[in-house]
C-alpha atoms as a PDB file:
ATOM      1  CA  MET A   1      25.938  -1.357  79.405  1.00  0.00           C
ATOM      2  CA  ALA A   2      22.982   0.991  79.869  1.00  0.00           C
ATOM      3  CA  ASN A   3      20.114   1.067  77.396  1.00  0.00           C
ATOM      4  CA  PHE A   4      20.138   3.802  74.778  1.00  0.00           C
ATOM      5  CA  VAL A   5      17.463   6.422  75.540  1.00  0.00           C
ATOM      6  CA  LEU A   6      15.791   7.887  72.453  1.00  0.00           C
ATOM      7  CA  ASN A   7      14.411  11.410  72.822  1.00  0.00           C
ATOM      8  CA  THR A   8      11.420  11.452  70.457  1.00  0.00           C
ATOM      9  CA  LYS A   9      10.724  15.164  71.059  1.00  0.00           C
ATOM     10  CA  ARG A  10      14.030  16.524  69.796  1.00  0.00           C
ATOM     11  CA  THR A  11      14.490  19.662  67.719  1.00  0.00           C
ATOM     12  CA  PHE A  12      17.400  21.029  65.699  1.00  0.00           C
ATOM     13  CA  LYS A  13      18.434  24.304  64.105  1.00  0.00           C
ATOM     14  CA  GLN A  14      19.436  24.304  60.454  1.00  0.00           C
ATOM     15  CA  PRO A  15      20.738  26.978  58.072  1.00  0.00           C
ATOM     16  CA  VAL A  16      18.310  27.578  55.207  1.00  0.00           C
ATOM     17  CA  PRO A  17      19.769  28.945  51.969  1.00  0.00           C
ATOM     18  CA  ILE A  18      17.169  30.815  49.919  1.00  0.00           C
ATOM     19  CA  VAL A  19      16.939  32.460  46.507  1.00  0.00           C
ATOM     20  CA  VAL A  20      14.132  34.890  45.660  1.00  0.00           C
ATOM     21  CA  HIS A  21      13.623  37.225  42.712  1.00  0.00           C
ATOM     22  CA  ASP A  22      13.192  40.972  43.133  1.00  0.00           C
ATOM     23  CA  GLU A  23      10.822  43.185  41.117  1.00  0.00           C
ATOM     24  CA  ASP A  24      13.361  43.380  38.271  1.00  0.00           C
ATOM     25  CA  GLY A  25      13.757  39.594  38.079  1.00  0.00           C
ATOM     26  CA  ASN A  26      17.205  39.574  39.682  1.00  0.00           C
ATOM     27  CA  GLU A  27      18.131  36.685  41.959  1.00  0.00           C
ATOM     28  CA  VAL A  28      18.625  37.674  45.587  1.00  0.00           C
ATOM     29  CA  LYS A  29      20.406  35.032  47.663  1.00  0.00           C
ATOM     30  CA  GLY A  30      20.370  34.830  51.417  1.00  0.00           C
ATOM     31  CA  GLU A  31      20.276  32.502  54.382  1.00  0.00           C
ATOM     32  CA  PHE A  32      18.361  32.275  57.635  1.00  0.00           C
ATOM     33  CA  THR A  33      18.043  29.704  60.406  1.00  0.00           C
ATOM     34  CA  ALA A  34      15.036  27.482  61.031  1.00  0.00           C
ATOM     35  CA  GLU A  35      14.364  25.358  64.077  1.00  0.00           C
ATOM     36  CA  PHE A  36      12.583  22.093  63.289  1.00  0.00           C
ATOM     37  CA  LYS A  37      10.968  19.253  65.228  1.00  0.00           C
ATOM     38  CA  VAL A  38      12.089  15.775  64.274  1.00  0.00           C
ATOM     39  CA  LEU A  39       8.825  14.249  63.103  1.00  0.00           C
ATOM     40  CA  PRO A  40       7.947  10.610  63.746  1.00  0.00           C
ATOM     41  CA  ASN A  41       7.569   8.615  60.527  1.00  0.00           C
ATOM     42  CA  ASP A  42       3.764   8.393  60.790  1.00  0.00           C
ATOM     43  CA  ARG A  43       3.488  12.211  61.025  1.00  0.00           C
ATOM     44  CA  LEU A  44       5.996  12.666  58.193  1.00  0.00           C
ATOM     45  CA  LYS A  45       3.991  10.298  55.996  1.00  0.00           C
ATOM     46  CA  GLU A  46       0.809  12.196  56.875  1.00  0.00           C
ATOM     47  CA  ALA A  47       2.461  15.513  56.020  1.00  0.00           C
ATOM     48  CA  THR A  48       3.599  14.434  52.578  1.00  0.00           C
ATOM     49  CA  GLU A  49       0.394  12.556  51.680  1.00  0.00           C
ATOM     50  CA  ASP A  50      -2.180  15.129  52.796  1.00  0.00           C
ATOM     51  CA  ASN A  51      -1.036  18.459  51.428  1.00  0.00           C
ATOM     52  CA  GLY A  52       2.476  17.927  50.210  1.00  0.00           C
ATOM     53  CA  GLU A  53       5.401  19.970  51.433  1.00  0.00           C
ATOM     54  CA  ALA A  54       3.364  22.924  52.725  1.00  0.00           C
ATOM     55  CA  ARG A  55       1.881  20.675  55.418  1.00  0.00           C
ATOM     56  CA  LEU A  56       5.368  19.535  56.417  1.00  0.00           C
ATOM     57  CA  MET A  57       6.218  23.004  57.723  1.00  0.00           C
ATOM     58  CA  ASP A  58       2.892  23.159  59.624  1.00  0.00           C
ATOM     59  CA  LEU A  59       4.072  20.107  61.565  1.00  0.00           C
ATOM     60  CA  ALA A  60       7.858  20.520  61.736  1.00  0.00           C
ATOM     61  CA  LEU A  61       8.659  24.244  61.919  1.00  0.00           C
ATOM     62  CA  VAL A  62       9.244  25.581  65.429  1.00  0.00           C
ATOM     63  CA  ALA A  63      10.757  29.034  64.772  1.00  0.00           C
ATOM     64  CA  VAL A  64      12.909  31.083  62.405  1.00  0.00           C
ATOM     65  CA  TYR A  65      15.891  33.306  63.180  1.00  0.00           C
ATOM     66  CA  ASP A  66      18.207  35.707  61.350  1.00  0.00           C
ATOM     67  CA  ILE A  67      15.518  36.927  58.941  1.00  0.00           C
ATOM     68  CA  ASP A  68      13.441  40.110  58.795  1.00  0.00           C
ATOM     69  CA  VAL A  69       9.902  40.348  57.446  1.00  0.00           C
ATOM     70  CA  LEU A  70       8.081  43.659  57.556  1.00  0.00           C
ATOM     71  CA  GLY A  71       4.440  43.779  58.617  1.00  0.00           C
ATOM     72  CA  ASP A  72       1.724  46.074  57.301  1.00  0.00           C
ATOM     73  CA  ASP A  73       2.969  48.802  59.660  1.00  0.00           C
ATOM     74  CA  ASN A  74       6.509  48.531  58.159  1.00  0.00           C
ATOM     75  CA  LYS A  75       7.873  47.132  61.438  1.00  0.00           C
ATOM     76  CA  SER A  76       9.726  43.831  61.702  1.00  0.00           C
ATOM     77  CA  LEU A  77       7.571  40.882  62.685  1.00  0.00           C
ATOM     78  CA  VAL A  78       8.644  38.833  65.701  1.00  0.00           C
ATOM     79  CA  GLY A  79       7.801  35.498  67.319  1.00  0.00           C
ATOM     80  CA  ASP A  80       4.924  33.467  65.928  1.00  0.00           C
ATOM     81  CA  GLU A  81       3.977  36.213  63.455  1.00  0.00           C
ATOM     82  CA  LEU A  82       7.461  36.066  61.931  1.00  0.00           C
ATOM     83  CA  THR A  83       7.432  32.261  61.801  1.00  0.00           C
ATOM     84  CA  GLU A  84       3.996  32.217  60.130  1.00  0.00           C
ATOM     85  CA  ALA A  85       4.986  34.870  57.573  1.00  0.00           C
ATOM     86  CA  VAL A  86       8.131  32.975  56.579  1.00  0.00           C
ATOM     87  CA  LYS A  87       6.262  29.662  56.466  1.00  0.00           C
ATOM     88  CA  ASN A  88       3.588  31.213  54.214  1.00  0.00           C
ATOM     89  CA  ASP A  89       6.074  32.537  51.660  1.00  0.00           C
ATOM     90  CA  PRO A  90       6.333  29.958  48.826  1.00  0.00           C
ATOM     91  CA  SER A  91      10.082  30.445  48.278  1.00  0.00           C
ATOM     92  CA  ALA A  92      10.911  30.284  51.986  1.00  0.00           C
ATOM     93  CA  ASN A  93       8.626  27.282  52.526  1.00  0.00           C
ATOM     94  CA  LEU A  94      10.284  25.312  49.736  1.00  0.00           C
ATOM     95  CA  ALA A  95      13.746  26.280  51.009  1.00  0.00           C
ATOM     96  CA  MET A  96      12.837  25.120  54.527  1.00  0.00           C
ATOM     97  CA  CYS A  97      11.403  21.810  53.259  1.00  0.00           C
ATOM     98  CA  THR A  98      14.610  21.173  51.339  1.00  0.00           C
ATOM     99  CA  ALA A  99      16.741  22.069  54.371  1.00  0.00           C
ATOM    100  CA  TYR A 100      14.634  19.797  56.613  1.00  0.00           C
ATOM    101  CA  HIS A 101      14.917  16.768  54.322  1.00  0.00           C
ATOM    102  CA  THR A 102      18.639  17.334  53.765  1.00  0.00           C
ATOM    103  CA  ALA A 103      19.325  17.695  57.483  1.00  0.00           C
ATOM    104  CA  ILE A 104      17.297  14.633  58.485  1.00  0.00           C
ATOM    105  CA  GLY A 105      19.129  12.568  55.881  1.00  0.00           C
ATOM    106  CA  LYS A 106      22.557  13.748  57.010  1.00  0.00           C
ATOM    107  CA  LYS A 107      21.852  13.591  60.740  1.00  0.00           C
ATOM    108  CA  ASN A 108      20.676   9.991  60.579  1.00  0.00           C
ATOM    109  CA  ARG A 109      23.648   8.550  58.699  1.00  0.00           C
ATOM    110  CA  LEU A 110      26.016   6.489  60.765  1.00  0.00           C
ATOM    111  CA  LYS A 111      29.550   7.811  60.807  1.00  0.00           C
ATOM    112  CA  ILE A 112      31.969   4.938  60.378  1.00  0.00           C
END
């Protein structure tokens, strides 16, 4: 039997449910997709000890999809600008952290 080969540089895409409040205080629910790196345990520990969950997205977030954010010129952001804008939004950041932890927990359970 061949040895198992572990890819330590893997990424995964995960749906991210989000709830934000509009100017009138109404809940607005949505969902987008985030692509994450699987962080090694030492980097994950560093992320949660140093600056809490905000640092986690600095290390784990690769890109976001299926979401629009308007820039100062009222045009949709793309690429790294879009990813940074979503990461910097407190509601989106918390939603992505939750999605990351949930996905890592589910993906690493053995199916018997």
